[in-house]
C-alpha atoms as a PDB file:
ATOM      1  CA  MET A   1      97.544  70.022 -62.846  1.00  0.00           C
ATOM      2  CA  ASP A   2      96.370  66.682 -64.167  1.00  0.00           C
ATOM      3  CA  SER A   3      95.295  64.414 -61.276  1.00  0.00           C
ATOM      4  CA  THR A   4      96.410  61.238 -63.025  1.00  0.00           C
ATOM      5  CA  PHE A   5      99.941  59.962 -63.153  1.00  0.00           C
ATOM      6  CA  LYS A   6     101.414  56.880 -64.769  1.00  0.00           C
ATOM      7  CA  VAL A   7     104.581  55.294 -63.384  1.00  0.00           C
ATOM      8  CA  HIS A   8     106.438  54.092 -66.473  1.00  0.00           C
ATOM      9  CA  GLY A   9     109.664  53.015 -64.802  1.00  0.00           C
ATOM     10  CA  HIS A  10     112.137  53.675 -67.646  1.00  0.00           C
ATOM     11  CA  TRP A  11     112.360  49.956 -68.434  1.00  0.00           C
ATOM     12  CA  ASN A  12     113.881  49.258 -65.029  1.00  0.00           C
ATOM     13  CA  GLY A  13     112.998  45.573 -65.242  1.00  0.00           C
ATOM     14  CA  LEU A  14     115.072  45.297 -68.415  1.00  0.00           C
ATOM     15  CA  LYS A  15     117.885  47.295 -66.817  1.00  0.00           C
ATOM     16  CA  THR A  16     117.977  44.920 -63.866  1.00  0.00           C
ATOM     17  CA  THR A  17     118.066  41.897 -66.161  1.00  0.00           C
ATOM     18  CA  LEU A  18     120.904  43.382 -68.217  1.00  0.00           C
ATOM     19  CA  LEU A  19     122.753  44.257 -65.027  1.00  0.00           C
ATOM     20  CA  PHE A  20     122.503  40.684 -63.790  1.00  0.00           C
ATOM     21  CA  GLY A  21     123.784  39.414 -67.118  1.00  0.00           C
ATOM     22  CA  LEU A  22     126.651  41.876 -67.368  1.00  0.00           C
ATOM     23  CA  MET A  23     127.867  41.326 -63.827  1.00  0.00           C
ATOM     24  CA  TRP A  24     127.744  37.539 -64.113  1.00  0.00           C
ATOM     25  CA  ALA A  25     129.479  37.745 -67.500  1.00  0.00           C
ATOM     26  CA  VAL A  26     132.360  39.610 -65.849  1.00  0.00           C
ATOM     27  CA  ILE A  27     132.599  36.892 -63.191  1.00  0.00           C
ATOM     28  CA  MET A  28     132.655  34.161 -65.834  1.00  0.00           C
ATOM     29  CA  VAL A  29     135.366  35.999 -67.801  1.00  0.00           C
ATOM     30  CA  ILE A  30     137.475  36.245 -64.645  1.00  0.00           C
ATOM     31  CA  TRP A  31     137.016  32.530 -64.032  1.00  0.00           C
ATOM     32  CA  TRP A  32     137.955  31.668 -67.623  1.00  0.00           C
ATOM     33  CA  LEU A  33     141.004  33.980 -67.797  1.00  0.00           C
ATOM     34  CA  THR A  34     142.499  32.809 -64.548  1.00  0.00           C
ATOM     35  CA  GLY A  35     141.623  29.127 -64.697  1.00  0.00           C
ATOM     36  CA  ALA A  36     140.166  29.285 -61.211  1.00  0.00           C
ATOM     37  CA  SER A  37     138.620  26.096 -59.899  1.00  0.00           C
ATOM     38  CA  SER A  38     134.899  25.518 -60.184  1.00  0.00           C
ATOM     39  CA  GLY A  39     134.812  25.408 -56.395  1.00  0.00           C
ATOM     40  CA  THR A  40     136.142  28.976 -56.215  1.00  0.00           C
ATOM     41  CA  LEU A  41     133.531  30.144 -58.674  1.00  0.00           C
ATOM     42  CA  GLY A  42     130.786  28.314 -56.796  1.00  0.00           C
ATOM     43  CA  VAL A  43     131.705  30.005 -53.522  1.00  0.00           C
ATOM     44  CA  TYR A  44     131.407  33.455 -55.055  1.00  0.00           C
ATOM     45  CA  VAL A  45     128.178  32.610 -56.871  1.00  0.00           C
ATOM     46  CA  VAL A  46     126.633  31.650 -53.533  1.00  0.00           C
ATOM     47  CA  ILE A  47     128.038  34.802 -51.906  1.00  0.00           C
ATOM     48  CA  GLY A  48     126.667  36.917 -54.762  1.00  0.00           C
ATOM     49  CA  LEU A  49     123.172  35.474 -54.503  1.00  0.00           C
ATOM     50  CA  ALA A  50     123.147  35.823 -50.709  1.00  0.00           C
ATOM     51  CA  MET A  51     124.367  39.416 -50.799  1.00  0.00           C
ATOM     52  CA  THR A  52     121.889  40.387 -53.510  1.00  0.00           C
ATOM     53  CA  PHE A  53     118.984  38.920 -51.562  1.00  0.00           C
ATOM     54  CA  GLY A  54     120.142  40.403 -48.261  1.00  0.00           C
ATOM     55  CA  SER A  55     120.778  43.869 -49.698  1.00  0.00           C
ATOM     56  CA  TYR A  56     117.360  43.896 -51.326  1.00  0.00           C
ATOM     57  CA  TRP A  57     115.271  42.336 -48.561  1.00  0.00           C
ATOM     58  CA  PHE A  58     116.716  44.300 -45.641  1.00  0.00           C
ATOM     59  CA  SER A  59     117.566  47.534 -47.485  1.00  0.00           C
ATOM     60  CA  ASP A  60     115.086  49.661 -45.526  1.00  0.00           C
ATOM     61  CA  ARG A  61     116.238  48.477 -42.093  1.00  0.00           C
ATOM     62  CA  VAL A  62     119.936  48.792 -42.879  1.00  0.00           C
ATOM     63  CA  ALA A  63     119.713  52.283 -44.412  1.00  0.00           C
ATOM     64  CA  ILE A  64     117.453  53.658 -41.668  1.00  0.00           C
ATOM     65  CA  ALA A  65     119.629  52.207 -38.901  1.00  0.00           C
ATOM     66  CA  SER A  66     122.850  53.483 -40.494  1.00  0.00           C
ATOM     67  CA  MET A  67     121.513  57.048 -40.308  1.00  0.00           C
ATOM     68  CA  GLY A  68     120.101  56.710 -36.801  1.00  0.00           C
ATOM     69  CA  ALA A  69     116.734  57.832 -38.176  1.00  0.00           C
ATOM     70  CA  GLN A  70     113.497  57.644 -36.196  1.00  0.00           C
ATOM     71  CA  GLN A  71     109.998  57.128 -37.565  1.00  0.00           C
ATOM     72  CA  VAL A  72     107.778  60.169 -36.970  1.00  0.00           C
ATOM     73  CA  SER A  73     104.029  60.437 -36.519  1.00  0.00           C
ATOM     74  CA  GLU A  74     101.723  62.787 -38.390  1.00  0.00           C
ATOM     75  CA  ALA A  75     101.473  64.954 -35.280  1.00  0.00           C
ATOM     76  CA  GLU A  76     105.266  65.325 -35.258  1.00  0.00           C
ATOM     77  CA  ALA A  77     105.668  66.049 -39.011  1.00  0.00           C
ATOM     78  CA  PRO A  78     102.296  67.163 -40.445  1.00  0.00           C
ATOM     79  CA  GLU A  79     103.845  68.880 -43.480  1.00  0.00           C
ATOM     80  CA  LEU A  80     105.781  65.788 -44.533  1.00  0.00           C
ATOM     81  CA  TYR A  81     102.716  63.583 -44.120  1.00  0.00           C
ATOM     82  CA  ARG A  82     100.564  65.933 -46.156  1.00  0.00           C
ATOM     83  CA  ILE A  83     103.058  66.077 -49.027  1.00  0.00           C
ATOM     84  CA  VAL A  84     103.797  62.343 -49.087  1.00  0.00           C
ATOM     85  CA  ARG A  85     100.107  61.456 -48.829  1.00  0.00           C
ATOM     86  CA  GLU A  86      99.299  63.738 -51.758  1.00  0.00           C
ATOM     87  CA  LEU A  87     102.090  62.435 -54.000  1.00  0.00           C
ATOM     88  CA  SER A  88     101.649  58.743 -53.205  1.00  0.00           C
ATOM     89  CA  GLY A  89      97.904  59.131 -53.731  1.00  0.00           C
ATOM     90  CA  ARG A  90      98.469  60.804 -57.080  1.00  0.00           C
ATOM     91  CA  ALA A  91     100.691  57.915 -58.119  1.00  0.00           C
ATOM     92  CA  GLY A  92      98.099  55.425 -56.872  1.00  0.00           C
ATOM     93  CA  LYS A  93     100.602  53.820 -54.479  1.00  0.00           C
ATOM     94  CA  PRO A  94     100.571  53.011 -50.739  1.00  0.00           C
ATOM     95  CA  MET A  95     101.939  55.692 -48.446  1.00  0.00           C
ATOM     96  CA  PRO A  96     105.456  54.857 -47.185  1.00  0.00           C
ATOM     97  CA  ARG A  97     106.705  55.214 -43.629  1.00  0.00           C
ATOM     98  CA  ILE A  98     108.320  58.570 -42.840  1.00  0.00           C
ATOM     99  CA  TYR A  99     111.589  59.010 -40.927  1.00  0.00           C
ATOM    100  CA  ILE A 100     113.753  61.920 -39.850  1.00  0.00           C
ATOM    101  CA  ALA A 101     117.511  61.511 -39.349  1.00  0.00           C
ATOM    102  CA  PRO A 102     119.176  63.596 -36.612  1.00  0.00           C
ATOM    103  CA  THR A 103     121.897  65.186 -38.721  1.00  0.00           C
ATOM    104  CA  THR A 104     122.391  68.776 -39.805  1.00  0.00           C
ATOM    105  CA  SER A 105     123.798  67.754 -43.194  1.00  0.00           C
ATOM    106  CA  PRO A 106     120.973  68.307 -45.725  1.00  0.00           C
ATOM    107  CA  ASN A 107     119.871  65.180 -47.585  1.00  0.00           C
ATOM    108  CA  ALA A 108     117.064  62.687 -48.140  1.00  0.00           C
ATOM    109  CA  PHE A 109     116.648  59.137 -49.377  1.00  0.00           C
ATOM    110  CA  ALA A 110     114.029  56.461 -49.992  1.00  0.00           C
ATOM    111  CA  THR A 111     114.425  52.755 -49.426  1.00  0.00           C
ATOM    112  CA  GLY A 112     112.429  49.542 -49.248  1.00  0.00           C
ATOM    113  CA  ARG A 113     112.040  46.437 -51.394  1.00  0.00           C
ATOM    114  CA  ASN A 114     108.645  47.495 -52.812  1.00  0.00           C
ATOM    115  CA  GLU A 115     105.844  50.030 -52.453  1.00  0.00           C
ATOM    116  CA  ARG A 116     104.345  48.247 -49.444  1.00  0.00           C
ATOM    117  CA  HIS A 117     107.644  48.076 -47.558  1.00  0.00           C
ATOM    118  CA  ALA A 118     108.973  51.529 -48.373  1.00  0.00           C
ATOM    119  CA  ALA A 119     110.291  54.387 -46.271  1.00  0.00           C
ATOM    120  CA  VAL A 120     111.345  57.951 -46.998  1.00  0.00           C
ATOM    121  CA  CYS A 121     113.828  59.730 -44.770  1.00  0.00           C
ATOM    122  CA  CYS A 122     114.721  63.409 -44.533  1.00  0.00           C
ATOM    123  CA  THR A 123     117.524  64.798 -42.428  1.00  0.00           C
ATOM    124  CA  GLN A 124     116.892  67.625 -40.015  1.00  0.00           C
ATOM    125  CA  GLY A 125     119.287  69.679 -42.105  1.00  0.00           C
ATOM    126  CA  ILE A 126     117.235  69.436 -45.307  1.00  0.00           C
ATOM    127  CA  LEU A 127     114.032  70.395 -43.509  1.00  0.00           C
ATOM    128  CA  ARG A 128     115.808  73.437 -42.119  1.00  0.00           C
ATOM    129  CA  ILE A 129     117.091  74.874 -45.419  1.00  0.00           C
ATOM    130  CA  LEU A 130     114.295  73.990 -47.890  1.00  0.00           C
ATOM    131  CA  ASN A 131     110.887  75.591 -48.221  1.00  0.00           C
ATOM    132  CA  GLU A 132     107.719  73.509 -48.595  1.00  0.00           C
ATOM    133  CA  ARG A 133     107.740  73.628 -52.401  1.00  0.00           C
ATOM    134  CA  GLU A 134     111.355  72.390 -52.527  1.00  0.00           C
ATOM    135  CA  VAL A 135     110.673  69.641 -49.976  1.00  0.00           C
ATOM    136  CA  ARG A 136     107.807  68.506 -52.197  1.00  0.00           C
ATOM    137  CA  GLY A 137     110.171  68.332 -55.173  1.00  0.00           C
ATOM    138  CA  VAL A 138     112.666  66.246 -53.184  1.00  0.00           C
ATOM    139  CA  LEU A 139     109.999  63.848 -51.922  1.00  0.00           C
ATOM    140  CA  GLY A 140     108.639  63.399 -55.448  1.00  0.00           C
ATOM    141  CA  HIS A 141     112.137  62.378 -56.563  1.00  0.00           C
ATOM    142  CA  GLU A 142     112.558  59.942 -53.669  1.00  0.00           C
ATOM    143  CA  LEU A 143     109.145  58.323 -54.098  1.00  0.00           C
ATOM    144  CA  MET A 144     109.944  57.612 -57.748  1.00  0.00           C
ATOM    145  CA  HIS A 145     113.014  55.626 -56.690  1.00  0.00           C
ATOM    146  CA  VAL A 146     110.629  53.270 -54.910  1.00  0.00           C
ATOM    147  CA  TYR A 147     107.971  53.232 -57.628  1.00  0.00           C
ATOM    148  CA  ASN A 148     110.581  52.567 -60.341  1.00  0.00           C
ATOM    149  CA  HIS A 149     111.987  49.648 -58.277  1.00  0.00           C
ATOM    150  CA  ASP A 150     115.406  51.285 -58.150  1.00  0.00           C
ATOM    151  CA  ILE A 151     116.136  49.692 -54.787  1.00  0.00           C
ATOM    152  CA  LEU A 152     116.353  46.272 -56.437  1.00  0.00           C
ATOM    153  CA  THR A 153     118.588  47.647 -59.184  1.00  0.00           C
ATOM    154  CA  SER A 154     120.974  49.280 -56.726  1.00  0.00           C
ATOM    155  CA  ALA A 155     121.027  46.200 -54.462  1.00  0.00           C
ATOM    156  CA  VAL A 156     122.004  43.985 -57.394  1.00  0.00           C
ATOM    157  CA  ALA A 157     124.649  46.471 -58.568  1.00  0.00           C
ATOM    158  CA  SER A 158     126.200  46.857 -55.134  1.00  0.00           C
ATOM    159  CA  ALA A 159     126.225  43.154 -54.321  1.00  0.00           C
ATOM    160  CA  MET A 160     127.643  42.050 -57.650  1.00  0.00           C
ATOM    161  CA  ALA A 161     130.305  44.746 -57.663  1.00  0.00           C
ATOM    162  CA  THR A 162     131.392  43.542 -54.238  1.00  0.00           C
ATOM    163  CA  VAL A 163     131.562  39.928 -55.419  1.00  0.00           C
ATOM    164  CA  ILE A 164     133.672  40.840 -58.450  1.00  0.00           C
ATOM    165  CA  THR A 165     136.016  42.915 -56.309  1.00  0.00           C
ATOM    166  CA  TYR A 166     136.502  40.145 -53.751  1.00  0.00           C
ATOM    167  CA  LEU A 167     136.952  37.541 -56.468  1.00  0.00           C
ATOM    168  CA  GLY A 168     139.633  39.647 -58.139  1.00  0.00           C
ATOM    169  CA  TYR A 169     141.480  40.207 -54.876  1.00  0.00           C
ATOM    170  CA  SER A 170     141.285  36.554 -53.859  1.00  0.00           C
ATOM    171  CA  LEU A 171     142.760  35.502 -57.199  1.00  0.00           C
ATOM    172  CA  MET A 172     145.561  38.035 -56.794  1.00  0.00           C
ATOM    173  CA  TYR A 173     146.527  36.720 -53.368  1.00  0.00           C
ATOM    174  CA  PHE A 174     145.698  33.013 -53.684  1.00  0.00           C
ATOM    175  CA  GLY A 175     146.040  32.305 -57.401  1.00  0.00           C
ATOM    176  CA  GLY A 176     143.715  30.598 -59.814  1.00  0.00           C
ATOM    177  CA  GLY A 177     143.116  27.350 -57.942  1.00  0.00           C
ATOM    178  CA  ALA A 178     143.334  23.714 -58.977  1.00  0.00           C
ATOM    179  CA  ARG A 179     143.437  24.316 -62.691  1.00  0.00           C
ATOM    180  CA  ASP A 180     146.678  26.267 -62.315  1.00  0.00           C
ATOM    181  CA  ASP A 181     148.520  22.989 -61.744  1.00  0.00           C
ATOM    182  CA  ASP A 182     147.823  21.923 -65.315  1.00  0.00           C
ATOM    183  CA  ARG A 183     149.430  25.017 -66.756  1.00  0.00           C
ATOM    184  CA  ASN A 184     153.068  25.565 -67.765  1.00  0.00           C
ATOM    185  CA  GLY A 185     155.153  27.805 -70.005  1.00  0.00           C
ATOM    186  CA  ALA A 186     153.158  30.268 -72.068  1.00  0.00           C
ATOM    187  CA  SER A 187     149.933  28.881 -70.666  1.00  0.00           C
ATOM    188  CA  GLY A 188     151.096  29.639 -67.137  1.00  0.00           C
ATOM    189  CA  ILE A 189     152.100  33.150 -68.125  1.00  0.00           C
ATOM    190  CA  SER A 190     148.656  33.619 -69.670  1.00  0.00           C
ATOM    191  CA  GLY A 191     147.023  32.459 -66.452  1.00  0.00           C
ATOM    192  CA  LEU A 192     149.161  34.835 -64.385  1.00  0.00           C
ATOM    193  CA  LEU A 193     148.302  37.704 -66.721  1.00  0.00           C
ATOM    194  CA  GLY A 194     144.636  36.820 -66.392  1.00  0.00           C
ATOM    195  CA  VAL A 195     144.889  36.937 -62.614  1.00  0.00           C
ATOM    196  CA  LEU A 196     146.593  40.332 -62.700  1.00  0.00           C
ATOM    197  CA  ILE A 197     144.070  41.772 -65.150  1.00  0.00           C
ATOM    198  CA  SER A 198     141.169  40.388 -63.150  1.00  0.00           C
ATOM    199  CA  SER A 199     142.462  41.593 -59.795  1.00  0.00           C
ATOM    200  CA  VAL A 200     143.075  45.148 -61.030  1.00  0.00           C
ATOM    201  CA  LEU A 201     140.641  45.845 -63.848  1.00  0.00           C
ATOM    202  CA  ALA A 202     137.631  43.778 -62.768  1.00  0.00           C
ATOM    203  CA  PRO A 203     136.961  45.736 -59.546  1.00  0.00           C
ATOM    204  CA  ILE A 204     137.332  49.010 -61.453  1.00  0.00           C
ATOM    205  CA  GLY A 205     135.003  47.795 -64.184  1.00  0.00           C
ATOM    206  CA  ALA A 206     132.438  46.609 -61.654  1.00  0.00           C
ATOM    207  CA  SER A 207     132.537  49.976 -59.891  1.00  0.00           C
ATOM    208  CA  LEU A 208     132.071  51.845 -63.171  1.00  0.00           C
ATOM    209  CA  ILE A 209     129.053  49.696 -64.058  1.00  0.00           C
ATOM    210  CA  GLN A 210     127.597  50.399 -60.636  1.00  0.00           C
ATOM    211  CA  LEU A 211     128.214  54.134 -61.007  1.00  0.00           C
ATOM    212  CA  ALA A 212     126.595  54.206 -64.449  1.00  0.00           C
ATOM    213  CA  ILE A 213     123.485  52.497 -63.098  1.00  0.00           C
ATOM    214  CA  SER A 214     123.364  54.839 -60.104  1.00  0.00           C
ATOM    215  CA  ARG A 215     123.653  57.983 -62.216  1.00  0.00           C
ATOM    216  CA  THR A 216     120.970  56.775 -64.620  1.00  0.00           C
ATOM    217  CA  ARG A 217     118.674  56.161 -61.662  1.00  0.00           C
ATOM    218  CA  GLU A 218     119.148  59.735 -60.464  1.00  0.00           C
ATOM    219  CA  TYR A 219     118.332  61.270 -63.851  1.00  0.00           C
ATOM    220  CA  ASP A 220     115.250  59.062 -64.160  1.00  0.00           C
ATOM    221  CA  ALA A 221     114.030  59.944 -60.669  1.00  0.00           C
ATOM    222  CA  ASP A 222     114.571  63.650 -61.364  1.00  0.00           C
ATOM    223  CA  GLU A 223     112.410  63.420 -64.473  1.00  0.00           C
ATOM    224  CA  ASP A 224     109.689  61.172 -63.060  1.00  0.00           C
ATOM    225  CA  GLY A 225     109.590  62.986 -59.730  1.00  0.00           C
ATOM    226  CA  SER A 226     109.134  66.305 -61.519  1.00  0.00           C
ATOM    227  CA  ARG A 227     106.288  64.861 -63.561  1.00  0.00           C
ATOM    228  CA  LEU A 228     104.710  63.606 -60.354  1.00  0.00           C
ATOM    229  CA  THR A 229     104.904  67.029 -58.695  1.00  0.00           C
ATOM    230  CA  GLY A 230     104.471  69.020 -61.907  1.00  0.00           C
ATOM    231  CA  ASP A 231     107.241  71.349 -60.682  1.00  0.00           C
ATOM    232  CA  PRO A 232     110.768  70.684 -62.032  1.00  0.00           C
ATOM    233  CA  GLU A 233     111.984  74.125 -60.906  1.00  0.00           C
ATOM    234  CA  ALA A 234     111.300  73.259 -57.267  1.00  0.00           C
ATOM    235  CA  LEU A 235     113.583  70.217 -57.466  1.00  0.00           C
ATOM    236  CA  ALA A 236     116.243  72.236 -59.312  1.00  0.00           C
ATOM    237  CA  SER A 237     116.199  74.866 -56.559  1.00  0.00           C
ATOM    238  CA  ALA A 238     116.353  72.164 -53.887  1.00  0.00           C
ATOM    239  CA  LEU A 239     119.332  70.431 -55.520  1.00  0.00           C
ATOM    240  CA  ASN A 240     121.235  73.727 -55.617  1.00  0.00           C
ATOM    241  CA  LYS A 241     120.618  74.342 -51.911  1.00  0.00           C
ATOM    242  CA  ILE A 242     121.424  70.752 -50.939  1.00  0.00           C
ATOM    243  CA  GLU A 243     124.719  70.767 -52.860  1.00  0.00           C
ATOM    244  CA  HIS A 244     125.926  73.926 -51.135  1.00  0.00           C
ATOM    245  CA  GLY A 245     124.596  72.776 -47.768  1.00  0.00           C
ATOM    246  CA  ALA A 246     126.228  69.342 -48.015  1.00  0.00           C
ATOM    247  CA  ALA A 247     129.524  70.916 -49.076  1.00  0.00           C
ATOM    248  CA  ALA A 248     129.478  73.216 -46.041  1.00  0.00           C
ATOM    249  CA  ASP A 249     128.255  70.495 -43.680  1.00  0.00           C
ATOM    250  CA  PRO A 250     129.184  67.067 -45.137  1.00  0.00           C
ATOM    251  CA  LEU A 251     127.973  63.848 -43.573  1.00  0.00           C
ATOM    252  CA  PRO A 252     130.650  62.068 -41.494  1.00  0.00           C
ATOM    253  CA  GLN A 253     132.033  59.088 -43.431  1.00  0.00           C
ATOM    254  CA  THR A 254     131.352  55.905 -41.507  1.00  0.00           C
ATOM    255  CA  ALA A 255     130.635  52.363 -42.681  1.00  0.00           C
ATOM    256  CA  GLY A 256     126.932  53.037 -42.151  1.00  0.00           C
ATOM    257  CA  THR A 257     126.699  56.373 -43.910  1.00  0.00           C
ATOM    258  CA  GLN A 258     128.767  55.086 -46.841  1.00  0.00           C
ATOM    259  CA  SER A 259     126.292  52.227 -47.347  1.00  0.00           C
ATOM    260  CA  ALA A 260     123.390  54.709 -47.490  1.00  0.00           C
ATOM    261  CA  ALA A 261     125.167  57.386 -49.546  1.00  0.00           C
ATOM    262  CA  ALA A 262     124.210  56.005 -52.970  1.00  0.00           C
ATOM    263  CA  MET A 263     120.524  56.154 -52.003  1.00  0.00           C
ATOM    264  CA  MET A 264     120.626  59.839 -51.113  1.00  0.00           C
ATOM    265  CA  ILE A 265     119.421  62.575 -53.432  1.00  0.00           C
ATOM    266  CA  GLN A 266     122.822  64.276 -53.334  1.00  0.00           C
ATOM    267  CA  ASN A 267     126.350  63.074 -52.603  1.00  0.00           C
ATOM    268  CA  PRO A 268     126.565  63.582 -48.806  1.00  0.00           C
ATOM    269  CA  PHE A 269     130.366  63.688 -48.675  1.00  0.00           C
ATOM    270  CA  ARG A 270     132.823  66.335 -49.734  1.00  0.00           C
ATOM    271  CA  SER A 271     134.077  65.335 -53.172  1.00  0.00           C
ATOM    272  CA  GLU A 272     136.791  67.229 -55.000  1.00  0.00           C
ATOM    273  CA  GLY A 273     139.021  66.719 -58.021  1.00  0.00           C
ATOM    274  CA  PHE A 274     139.512  63.140 -59.206  1.00  0.00           C
ATOM    275  CA  SER A 275     137.012  61.720 -56.700  1.00  0.00           C
ATOM    276  CA  ARG A 276     134.169  63.416 -58.595  1.00  0.00           C
ATOM    277  CA  LEU A 277     134.705  60.957 -61.452  1.00  0.00           C
ATOM    278  CA  PHE A 278     133.701  58.112 -59.143  1.00  0.00           C
ATOM    279  CA  SER A 279     130.703  59.827 -57.585  1.00  0.00           C
ATOM    280  CA  THR A 280     127.465  57.842 -57.443  1.00  0.00           C
ATOM    281  CA  HIS A 281     125.576  60.991 -58.432  1.00  0.00           C
ATOM    282  CA  PRO A 282     125.720  62.947 -61.703  1.00  0.00           C
ATOM    283  CA  PRO A 283     126.953  66.568 -61.566  1.00  0.00           C
ATOM    284  CA  THR A 284     124.354  68.808 -59.950  1.00  0.00           C
ATOM    285  CA  SER A 285     124.776  71.412 -62.685  1.00  0.00           C
ATOM    286  CA  GLU A 286     123.734  68.860 -65.313  1.00  0.00           C
ATOM    287  CA  ARG A 287     120.738  67.748 -63.269  1.00  0.00           C
ATOM    288  CA  ILE A 288     119.612  71.348 -62.798  1.00  0.00           C
ATOM    289  CA  ALA A 289     120.047  72.110 -66.510  1.00  0.00           C
ATOM    290  CA  ARG A 290     117.890  69.109 -67.430  1.00  0.00           C
ATOM    291  CA  LEU A 291     115.225  70.113 -64.932  1.00  0.00           C
ATOM    292  CA  MET A 292     115.106  73.715 -66.167  1.00  0.00           C
ATOM    293  CA  GLN A 293     114.806  72.479 -69.755  1.00  0.00           C
ATOM    294  CA  MET A 294     111.975  70.221 -68.613  1.00  0.00           C
ATOM    295  CA  ALA A 295     110.284  73.194 -66.912  1.00  0.00           C
ATOM    296  CA  ARG A 296     110.461  75.229 -70.110  1.00  0.00           C
ATOM    297  CA  GLN A 297     108.947  72.359 -72.103  1.00  0.00           C
ATOM    298  CA  MET A 298     106.136  71.945 -69.577  1.00  0.00           C
ATOM    299  CA  ASP A 299     105.453  75.702 -69.659  1.00  0.00           C
ATOM    300  CA  ALA A 300     105.338  75.636 -73.465  1.00  0.00           C
ATOM    301  CA  VAL A 301     102.855  72.743 -73.474  1.00  0.00           C
ATOM    302  CA  GLU A 302     100.708  74.401 -70.841  1.00  0.00           C
ATOM    303  CA  GLY A 303     100.831  77.691 -72.707  1.00  0.00           C
ATOM    304  CA  SER A 304      99.788  76.127 -75.999  1.00  0.00           C
ATOM    305  CA  SER A 305      96.904  74.238 -74.364  1.00  0.00           C
ATOM    306  CA  THR A 306      95.476  77.410 -72.791  1.00  0.00           C
ATOM    307  CA  ALA A 307      96.030  79.671 -75.817  1.00  0.00           C
ATOM    308  CA  PRO A 308      92.829  80.678 -77.681  1.00  0.00           C
ATOM    309  CA  ARG A 309      92.307  78.858 -80.929  1.00  0.00           C
ATOM    310  CA  SER A 310      92.633  80.910 -84.119  1.00  0.00           C
ATOM    311  CA  ARG A 311      89.601  81.062 -86.335  1.00  0.00           C
END
């Protein structure tokens, strides 16, 4: 396997910029449709900036604490240290802190605002059901979330979606603000319609944007993580085991676990029927199919490079 690896990031900087622009555009449209006062808009702008910064800066502490995870030493988890040291070294990045969460539900996640403040966490359940090769595939996926700066992307998405939702609800219950007084007749009806549209559709739209970003992140991390490990089949096998394990032993839904769920490699909750449409993770079957296709392509390239040349 080639010892060099280049983190290309799938244009995540551009994605983050577009996300900022799209989310703020939605807020401005709400403000324009409803005629809310500039003071109302200003309050939510400040809230949005504060939540984005807080979610990003303290993401590692919040996620780790929500899972009750404990940092482990190399003596306590030599296999994890060996795998993470190998993969982070291959990527040319600092080694993150390693945690284990005391839950039997199989899952894993990575968090941290950058490579030097990163942490990877495995549950006791995932270490119980996966073999070493599969654990390596999972850790490759999680490390790429950090190296691709996905934590910033998800922090922005989550914070802005929350702002839009709260803004929509506040307009529904409290109206559009000072500018409403200047409206009458058809104009007033238009303002009321704007409030109703904003309060109902804006939160849904914000959630869908957030879900789209989250699912894209998972596909990207699957691909990049498999290139880092050189073993897409290992990750595919791990995802299959984790899906069945999480379905049989789902994570309890609390405020803490719900905040960390989007970071995890697999949806930790039992999701059935309509709720699957609003999952933060793409269907496992699609992820596995992509990984197996990637494995076939890698085998074909490797086979052609080792085949004897024809004279």
